[in-house]
Amino acid sequence: MATPGALKQVVNAVVNVNRDLRRIDVQRVVRELGTVVSADVSTLRALQLDAGDFISLQEGIARTVDWFRDNEGLTWNRTESR
């Protein structure tokens, strides 16, 4: 686990590189780094889902982009920019 001092160094480094970022926003994101997220996958059964059926975020995004590309003009249309 990172110490508060180490996290402050990261915040300072990021803000020094990109001065357009608000320090409070960088601090919030840096605090989230290293946060452990866990879930009780047994609760998926109530939804008739299995954790093994899930795909990675990267694969899900790729499939979504492919779907939109393949279905443009069929099930959705791009709006004209003004």
PDB file of N, CA and C in Angstrom:
ATOM      1  N   MET A   1       0.847  -1.183   0.000  1.00  0.00           N
ATOM      2  CA  MET A   1       0.000   0.000   0.000  1.00  0.00           C
ATOM      3  C   MET A   1       0.891   1.243   0.000  1.00  0.00           C
ATOM      4  N   ALA A   2       0.550   2.197  -0.810  1.00  0.00           N
ATOM      5  CA  ALA A   2       1.335   3.421  -0.930  1.00  0.00           C
ATOM      6  C   ALA A   2       1.117   4.304   0.292  1.00  0.00           C
ATOM      7  N   THR A   3       2.169   4.980   0.681  1.00  0.00           N
ATOM      8  CA  THR A   3       2.076   5.900   1.812  1.00  0.00           C
ATOM      9  C   THR A   3       1.525   7.234   1.334  1.00  0.00           C
ATOM     10  N   PRO A   4       0.956   8.034   2.256  1.00  0.00           N
ATOM     11  CA  PRO A   4       0.469   9.359   1.858  1.00  0.00           C
ATOM     12  C   PRO A   4       1.566  10.204   1.210  1.00  0.00           C
ATOM     13  N   GLY A   5       2.778  10.077   1.706  1.00  0.00           N
ATOM     14  CA  GLY A   5       3.889  10.839   1.131  1.00  0.00           C
ATOM     15  C   GLY A   5       4.173  10.436  -0.308  1.00  0.00           C
ATOM     16  N   ALA A   6       4.115   9.118  -0.575  1.00  0.00           N
ATOM     17  CA  ALA A   6       4.355   8.631  -1.937  1.00  0.00           C
ATOM     18  C   ALA A   6       3.243   9.093  -2.873  1.00  0.00           C
ATOM     19  N   LEU A   7       2.001   9.060  -2.398  1.00  0.00           N
ATOM     20  CA  LEU A   7       0.882   9.513  -3.219  1.00  0.00           C
ATOM     21  C   LEU A   7       0.997  10.998  -3.524  1.00  0.00           C
ATOM     22  N   LYS A   8       1.450  11.775  -2.544  1.00  0.00           N
ATOM     23  CA  LYS A   8       1.630  13.218  -2.752  1.00  0.00           C
ATOM     24  C   LYS A   8       2.691  13.468  -3.820  1.00  0.00           C
ATOM     25  N   GLN A   9       3.739  12.659  -3.835  1.00  0.00           N
ATOM     26  CA  GLN A   9       4.782  12.799  -4.858  1.00  0.00           C
ATOM     27  C   GLN A   9       4.210  12.540  -6.252  1.00  0.00           C
ATOM     28  N   VAL A  10       3.333  11.542  -6.347  1.00  0.00           N
ATOM     29  CA  VAL A  10       2.718  11.233  -7.639  1.00  0.00           C
ATOM     30  C   VAL A  10       1.847  12.401  -8.083  1.00  0.00           C
ATOM     31  N   VAL A  11       1.032  12.925  -7.164  1.00  0.00           N
ATOM     32  CA  VAL A  11       0.165  14.065  -7.488  1.00  0.00           C
ATOM     33  C   VAL A  11       1.001  15.242  -7.960  1.00  0.00           C
ATOM     34  N   ASN A  12       2.056  15.557  -7.238  1.00  0.00           N
ATOM     35  CA  ASN A  12       2.917  16.680  -7.612  1.00  0.00           C
ATOM     36  C   ASN A  12       3.530  16.476  -8.993  1.00  0.00           C
ATOM     37  N   ALA A  13       3.985  15.258  -9.279  1.00  0.00           N
ATOM     38  CA  ALA A  13       4.607  14.976 -10.568  1.00  0.00           C
ATOM     39  C   ALA A  13       3.598  15.152 -11.703  1.00  0.00           C
ATOM     40  N   VAL A  14       2.381  14.651 -11.508  1.00  0.00           N
ATOM     41  CA  VAL A  14       1.365  14.758 -12.555  1.00  0.00           C
ATOM     42  C   VAL A  14       0.997  16.216 -12.790  1.00  0.00           C
ATOM     43  N   VAL A  15       0.763  16.957 -11.727  1.00  0.00           N
ATOM     44  CA  VAL A  15       0.366  18.366 -11.856  1.00  0.00           C
ATOM     45  C   VAL A  15       1.499  19.193 -12.478  1.00  0.00           C
ATOM     46  N   ASN A  16       2.735  18.865 -12.154  1.00  0.00           N
ATOM     47  CA  ASN A  16       3.865  19.595 -12.733  1.00  0.00           C
ATOM     48  C   ASN A  16       3.997  19.350 -14.225  1.00  0.00           C
ATOM     49  N   VAL A  17       3.622  18.172 -14.683  1.00  0.00           N
ATOM     50  CA  VAL A  17       3.708  17.842 -16.105  1.00  0.00           C
ATOM     51  C   VAL A  17       2.546  18.456 -16.872  1.00  0.00           C
ATOM     52  N   ASN A  18       1.363  18.468 -16.264  1.00  0.00           N
ATOM     53  CA  ASN A  18       0.185  19.008 -16.949  1.00  0.00           C
ATOM     54  C   ASN A  18      -0.505  20.002 -16.028  1.00  0.00           C
ATOM     55  N   ARG A  19      -0.170  21.248 -16.186  1.00  0.00           N
ATOM     56  CA  ARG A  19      -0.690  22.297 -15.297  1.00  0.00           C
ATOM     57  C   ARG A  19      -2.159  22.619 -15.551  1.00  0.00           C
ATOM     58  N   ASP A  20      -2.742  22.075 -16.617  1.00  0.00           N
ATOM     59  CA  ASP A  20      -4.168  22.285 -16.888  1.00  0.00           C
ATOM     60  C   ASP A  20      -5.056  21.436 -15.975  1.00  0.00           C
ATOM     61  N   LEU A  21      -4.475  20.418 -15.359  1.00  0.00           N
ATOM     62  CA  LEU A  21      -5.252  19.544 -14.473  1.00  0.00           C
ATOM     63  C   LEU A  21      -5.438  20.197 -13.114  1.00  0.00           C
ATOM     64  N   ARG A  22      -6.616  20.009 -12.554  1.00  0.00           N
ATOM     65  CA  ARG A  22      -6.863  20.530 -11.201  1.00  0.00           C
ATOM     66  C   ARG A  22      -6.300  19.543 -10.187  1.00  0.00           C
ATOM     67  N   ARG A  23      -5.541  20.080  -9.225  1.00  0.00           N
ATOM     68  CA  ARG A  23      -4.889  19.241  -8.221  1.00  0.00           C
ATOM     69  C   ARG A  23      -5.896  18.340  -7.504  1.00  0.00           C
ATOM     70  N   ILE A  24      -7.059  18.854  -7.171  1.00  0.00           N
ATOM     71  CA  ILE A  24      -8.045  18.058  -6.437  1.00  0.00           C
ATOM     72  C   ILE A  24      -8.514  16.857  -7.265  1.00  0.00           C
ATOM     73  N   ASP A  25      -8.618  17.024  -8.589  1.00  0.00           N
ATOM     74  CA  ASP A  25      -9.007  15.912  -9.457  1.00  0.00           C
ATOM     75  C   ASP A  25      -7.908  14.855  -9.506  1.00  0.00           C
ATOM     76  N   VAL A  26      -6.672  15.309  -9.614  1.00  0.00           N
ATOM     77  CA  VAL A  26      -5.544  14.378  -9.653  1.00  0.00           C
ATOM     78  C   VAL A  26      -5.456  13.618  -8.327  1.00  0.00           C
ATOM     79  N   GLN A  27      -5.651  14.306  -7.215  1.00  0.00           N
ATOM     80  CA  GLN A  27      -5.602  13.644  -5.909  1.00  0.00           C
ATOM     81  C   GLN A  27      -6.665  12.555  -5.805  1.00  0.00           C
ATOM     82  N   ARG A  28      -7.868  12.837  -6.308  1.00  0.00           N
ATOM     83  CA  ARG A  28      -8.949  11.861  -6.232  1.00  0.00           C
ATOM     84  C   ARG A  28      -8.588  10.606  -7.013  1.00  0.00           C
ATOM     85  N   VAL A  29      -8.061  10.790  -8.217  1.00  0.00           N
ATOM     86  CA  VAL A  29      -7.717   9.640  -9.053  1.00  0.00           C
ATOM     87  C   VAL A  29      -6.548   8.866  -8.444  1.00  0.00           C
ATOM     88  N   VAL A  30      -5.547   9.572  -7.953  1.00  0.00           N
ATOM     89  CA  VAL A  30      -4.378   8.905  -7.373  1.00  0.00           C
ATOM     90  C   VAL A  30      -4.782   8.100  -6.145  1.00  0.00           C
ATOM     91  N   ARG A  31      -5.723   8.600  -5.350  1.00  0.00           N
ATOM     92  CA  ARG A  31      -6.198   7.846  -4.182  1.00  0.00           C
ATOM     93  C   ARG A  31      -6.812   6.520  -4.597  1.00  0.00           C
ATOM     94  N   GLU A  32      -7.436   6.496  -5.775  1.00  0.00           N
ATOM     95  CA  GLU A  32      -8.084   5.277  -6.254  1.00  0.00           C
ATOM     96  C   GLU A  32      -7.082   4.247  -6.778  1.00  0.00           C
ATOM     97  N   LEU A  33      -5.888   4.697  -7.144  1.00  0.00           N
ATOM     98  CA  LEU A  33      -4.877   3.769  -7.634  1.00  0.00           C
ATOM     99  C   LEU A  33      -4.529   2.764  -6.542  1.00  0.00           C
ATOM    100  N   GLY A  34      -4.470   1.538  -6.891  1.00  0.00           N
ATOM    101  CA  GLY A  34      -4.121   0.516  -5.922  1.00  0.00           C
ATOM    102  C   GLY A  34      -5.275   0.068  -5.051  1.00  0.00           C
ATOM    103  N   THR A  35      -6.460   0.641  -5.257  1.00  0.00           N
ATOM    104  CA  THR A  35      -7.622   0.231  -4.492  1.00  0.00           C
ATOM    105  C   THR A  35      -8.025  -1.169  -4.930  1.00  0.00           C
ATOM    106  N   VAL A  36      -8.255  -2.025  -3.971  1.00  0.00           N
ATOM    107  CA  VAL A  36      -8.658  -3.387  -4.277  1.00  0.00           C
ATOM    108  C   VAL A  36     -10.178  -3.434  -4.395  1.00  0.00           C
ATOM    109  N   VAL A  37     -10.637  -3.989  -5.487  1.00  0.00           N
ATOM    110  CA  VAL A  37     -12.066  -4.145  -5.713  1.00  0.00           C
ATOM    111  C   VAL A  37     -12.370  -5.630  -5.723  1.00  0.00           C
ATOM    112  N   SER A  38     -13.373  -6.027  -4.977  1.00  0.00           N
ATOM    113  CA  SER A  38     -13.744  -7.436  -4.963  1.00  0.00           C
ATOM    114  C   SER A  38     -15.260  -7.550  -5.056  1.00  0.00           C
ATOM    115  N   ALA A  39     -15.709  -8.730  -5.442  1.00  0.00           N
ATOM    116  CA  ALA A  39     -17.144  -8.951  -5.590  1.00  0.00           C
ATOM    117  C   ALA A  39     -17.475 -10.380  -5.198  1.00  0.00           C
ATOM    118  N   ASP A  40     -18.683 -10.556  -4.727  1.00  0.00           N
ATOM    119  CA  ASP A  40     -19.184 -11.892  -4.424  1.00  0.00           C
ATOM    120  C   ASP A  40     -19.892 -12.395  -5.672  1.00  0.00           C
ATOM    121  N   VAL A  41     -19.184 -13.187  -6.486  1.00  0.00           N
ATOM    122  CA  VAL A  41     -19.739 -13.619  -7.765  1.00  0.00           C
ATOM    123  C   VAL A  41     -20.886 -14.615  -7.601  1.00  0.00           C
ATOM    124  N   SER A  42     -21.080 -15.131  -6.396  1.00  0.00           N
ATOM    125  CA  SER A  42     -22.201 -16.057  -6.192  1.00  0.00           C
ATOM    126  C   SER A  42     -23.545 -15.346  -6.349  1.00  0.00           C
ATOM    127  N   THR A  43     -23.551 -14.028  -6.215  1.00  0.00           N
ATOM    128  CA  THR A  43     -24.803 -13.281  -6.373  1.00  0.00           C
ATOM    129  C   THR A  43     -25.240 -13.214  -7.836  1.00  0.00           C
ATOM    130  N   LEU A  44     -24.350 -13.557  -8.764  1.00  0.00           N
ATOM    131  CA  LEU A  44     -24.701 -13.554 -10.183  1.00  0.00           C
ATOM    132  C   LEU A  44     -25.733 -14.627 -10.509  1.00  0.00           C
ATOM    133  N   ARG A  45     -25.764 -15.698  -9.700  1.00  0.00           N
ATOM    134  CA  ARG A  45     -26.713 -16.791  -9.960  1.00  0.00           C
ATOM    135  C   ARG A  45     -28.158 -16.304  -9.982  1.00  0.00           C
ATOM    136  N   ALA A  46     -28.481 -15.337  -9.144  1.00  0.00           N
ATOM    137  CA  ALA A  46     -29.849 -14.806  -9.098  1.00  0.00           C
ATOM    138  C   ALA A  46     -30.231 -14.167 -10.440  1.00  0.00           C
ATOM    139  N   LEU A  47     -29.233 -13.740 -11.210  1.00  0.00           N
ATOM    140  CA  LEU A  47     -29.464 -13.144 -12.526  1.00  0.00           C
ATOM    141  C   LEU A  47     -29.233 -14.149 -13.645  1.00  0.00           C
ATOM    142  N   GLN A  48     -29.018 -15.392 -13.261  1.00  0.00           N
ATOM    143  CA  GLN A  48     -28.722 -16.477 -14.203  1.00  0.00           C
ATOM    144  C   GLN A  48     -27.478 -16.164 -15.037  1.00  0.00           C
ATOM    145  N   LEU A  49     -26.467 -15.613 -14.377  1.00  0.00           N
ATOM    146  CA  LEU A  49     -25.187 -15.307 -15.013  1.00  0.00           C
ATOM    147  C   LEU A  49     -24.095 -16.123 -14.350  1.00  0.00           C
ATOM    148  N   ASP A  50     -23.015 -16.329 -15.086  1.00  0.00           N
ATOM    149  CA  ASP A  50     -21.853 -17.023 -14.563  1.00  0.00           C
ATOM    150  C   ASP A  50     -20.630 -16.140 -14.799  1.00  0.00           C
ATOM    151  N   ALA A  51     -19.797 -15.991 -13.793  1.00  0.00           N
ATOM    152  CA  ALA A  51     -18.617 -15.126 -13.915  1.00  0.00           C
ATOM    153  C   ALA A  51     -17.719 -15.566 -15.074  1.00  0.00           C
ATOM    154  N   GLY A  52     -17.726 -16.853 -15.412  1.00  0.00           N
ATOM    155  CA  GLY A  52     -16.914 -17.357 -16.510  1.00  0.00           C
ATOM    156  C   GLY A  52     -17.381 -16.878 -17.874  1.00  0.00           C
ATOM    157  N   ASP A  53     -18.605 -16.369 -17.943  1.00  0.00           N
ATOM    158  CA  ASP A  53     -19.142 -15.869 -19.210  1.00  0.00           C
ATOM    159  C   ASP A  53     -18.696 -14.443 -19.521  1.00  0.00           C
ATOM    160  N   PHE A  54     -18.105 -13.769 -18.558  1.00  0.00           N
ATOM    161  CA  PHE A  54     -17.687 -12.388 -18.749  1.00  0.00           C
ATOM    162  C   PHE A  54     -16.455 -12.335 -19.640  1.00  0.00           C
ATOM    163  N   ILE A  55     -16.300 -11.226 -20.345  1.00  0.00           N
ATOM    164  CA  ILE A  55     -15.125 -11.008 -21.188  1.00  0.00           C
ATOM    165  C   ILE A  55     -14.368  -9.800 -20.653  1.00  0.00           C
ATOM    166  N   SER A  56     -13.153  -9.615 -21.135  1.00  0.00           N
ATOM    167  CA  SER A  56     -12.358  -8.484 -20.668  1.00  0.00           C
ATOM    168  C   SER A  56     -12.948  -7.176 -21.189  1.00  0.00           C
ATOM    169  N   LEU A  57     -12.650  -6.104 -20.498  1.00  0.00           N
ATOM    170  CA  LEU A  57     -13.104  -4.788 -20.935  1.00  0.00           C
ATOM    171  C   LEU A  57     -12.576  -4.484 -22.333  1.00  0.00           C
ATOM    172  N   GLN A  58     -11.322  -4.813 -22.587  1.00  0.00           N
ATOM    173  CA  GLN A  58     -10.711  -4.545 -23.893  1.00  0.00           C
ATOM    174  C   GLN A  58     -11.476  -5.277 -24.998  1.00  0.00           C
ATOM    175  N   GLU A  59     -11.811  -6.560 -24.776  1.00  0.00           N
ATOM    176  CA  GLU A  59     -12.555  -7.312 -25.778  1.00  0.00           C
ATOM    177  C   GLU A  59     -13.971  -6.758 -25.929  1.00  0.00           C
ATOM    178  N   GLY A  60     -14.599  -6.374 -24.819  1.00  0.00           N
ATOM    179  CA  GLY A  60     -15.944  -5.817 -24.878  1.00  0.00           C
ATOM    180  C   GLY A  60     -16.002  -4.522 -25.664  1.00  0.00           C
ATOM    181  N   ILE A  61     -15.010  -3.663 -25.468  1.00  0.00           N
ATOM    182  CA  ILE A  61     -14.967  -2.402 -26.215  1.00  0.00           C
ATOM    183  C   ILE A  61     -14.766  -2.689 -27.702  1.00  0.00           C
ATOM    184  N   ALA A  62     -13.863  -3.623 -28.027  1.00  0.00           N
ATOM    185  CA  ALA A  62     -13.618  -3.966 -29.428  1.00  0.00           C
ATOM    186  C   ALA A  62     -14.889  -4.504 -30.081  1.00  0.00           C
ATOM    187  N   ARG A  63     -15.616  -5.366 -29.386  1.00  0.00           N
ATOM    188  CA  ARG A  63     -16.863  -5.908 -29.932  1.00  0.00           C
ATOM    189  C   ARG A  63     -17.900  -4.802 -30.133  1.00  0.00           C
ATOM    190  N   THR A  64     -17.962  -3.872 -29.190  1.00  0.00           N
ATOM    191  CA  THR A  64     -18.923  -2.774 -29.291  1.00  0.00           C
ATOM    192  C   THR A  64     -18.615  -1.883 -30.482  1.00  0.00           C
ATOM    193  N   VAL A  65     -17.347  -1.540 -30.654  1.00  0.00           N
ATOM    194  CA  VAL A  65     -16.946  -0.706 -31.792  1.00  0.00           C
ATOM    195  C   VAL A  65     -17.263  -1.428 -33.095  1.00  0.00           C
ATOM    196  N   ASP A  66     -16.959  -2.734 -33.153  1.00  0.00           N
ATOM    197  CA  ASP A  66     -17.263  -3.511 -34.358  1.00  0.00           C
ATOM    198  C   ASP A  66     -18.761  -3.505 -34.647  1.00  0.00           C
ATOM    199  N   TRP A  67     -19.574  -3.675 -33.600  1.00  0.00           N
ATOM    200  CA  TRP A  67     -21.022  -3.700 -33.799  1.00  0.00           C
ATOM    201  C   TRP A  67     -21.504  -2.382 -34.397  1.00  0.00           C
ATOM    202  N   PHE A  68     -21.053  -1.263 -33.828  1.00  0.00           N
ATOM    203  CA  PHE A  68     -21.474   0.037 -34.346  1.00  0.00           C
ATOM    204  C   PHE A  68     -21.002   0.229 -35.786  1.00  0.00           C
ATOM    205  N   ARG A  69     -19.786  -0.198 -36.089  1.00  0.00           N
ATOM    206  CA  ARG A  69     -19.273  -0.071 -37.454  1.00  0.00           C
ATOM    207  C   ARG A  69     -20.115  -0.916 -38.411  1.00  0.00           C
ATOM    208  N   ASP A  70     -20.418  -2.150 -38.020  1.00  0.00           N
ATOM    209  CA  ASP A  70     -21.174  -3.068 -38.876  1.00  0.00           C
ATOM    210  C   ASP A  70     -22.639  -2.671 -39.040  1.00  0.00           C
ATOM    211  N   ASN A  71     -23.203  -1.957 -38.084  1.00  0.00           N
ATOM    212  CA  ASN A  71     -24.631  -1.648 -38.102  1.00  0.00           C
ATOM    213  C   ASN A  71     -24.960  -0.201 -38.424  1.00  0.00           C
ATOM    214  N   GLU A  72     -23.939   0.595 -38.758  1.00  0.00           N
ATOM    215  CA  GLU A  72     -24.209   1.990 -39.113  1.00  0.00           C
ATOM    216  C   GLU A  72     -25.078   2.034 -40.366  1.00  0.00           C
ATOM    217  N   GLY A  73     -26.155   2.784 -40.285  1.00  0.00           N
ATOM    218  CA  GLY A  73     -27.078   2.899 -41.394  1.00  0.00           C
ATOM    219  C   GLY A  73     -28.156   1.837 -41.390  1.00  0.00           C
ATOM    220  N   LEU A  74     -27.958   0.784 -40.606  1.00  0.00           N
ATOM    221  CA  LEU A  74     -28.960  -0.282 -40.506  1.00  0.00           C
ATOM    222  C   LEU A  74     -29.836  -0.084 -39.271  1.00  0.00           C
ATOM    223  N   THR A  75     -29.188   0.018 -38.133  1.00  0.00           N
ATOM    224  CA  THR A  75     -29.935   0.176 -36.877  1.00  0.00           C
ATOM    225  C   THR A  75     -29.661   1.509 -36.190  1.00  0.00           C
ATOM    226  N   TRP A  76     -28.705   2.249 -36.683  1.00  0.00           N
ATOM    227  CA  TRP A  76     -28.414   3.579 -36.135  1.00  0.00           C
ATOM    228  C   TRP A  76     -27.783   4.429 -37.224  1.00  0.00           C
ATOM    229  N   ASN A  77     -27.871   5.741 -37.060  1.00  0.00           N
ATOM    230  CA  ASN A  77     -27.278   6.686 -38.015  1.00  0.00           C
ATOM    231  C   ASN A  77     -26.475   7.730 -37.262  1.00  0.00           C
ATOM    232  N   ARG A  78     -25.357   8.065 -37.830  1.00  0.00           N
ATOM    233  CA  ARG A  78     -24.503   9.106 -37.264  1.00  0.00           C
ATOM    234  C   ARG A  78     -25.192  10.444 -37.439  1.00  0.00           C
ATOM    235  N   THR A  79     -25.174  11.288 -36.412  1.00  0.00           N
ATOM    236  CA  THR A  79     -25.780  12.615 -36.546  1.00  0.00           C
ATOM    237  C   THR A  79     -24.807  13.533 -37.257  1.00  0.00           C
ATOM    238  N   GLU A  80     -25.339  14.464 -37.973  1.00  0.00           N
ATOM    239  CA  GLU A  80     -24.509  15.434 -38.681  1.00  0.00           C
ATOM    240  C   GLU A  80     -23.998  16.469 -37.690  1.00  0.00           C
ATOM    241  N   SER A  81     -22.706  16.773 -37.749  1.00  0.00           N
ATOM    242  CA  SER A  81     -22.178  17.823 -36.877  1.00  0.00           C
ATOM    243  C   SER A  81     -22.502  19.169 -37.491  1.00  0.00           C
ATOM    244  N   ARG A  82     -22.745  20.123 -36.638  1.00  0.00           N
ATOM    245  CA  ARG A  82     -23.140  21.453 -37.109  1.00  0.00           C
ATOM    246  C   ARG A  82     -22.005  22.423 -37.048  1.00  0.00           C
TER     247      ARG A  82
END
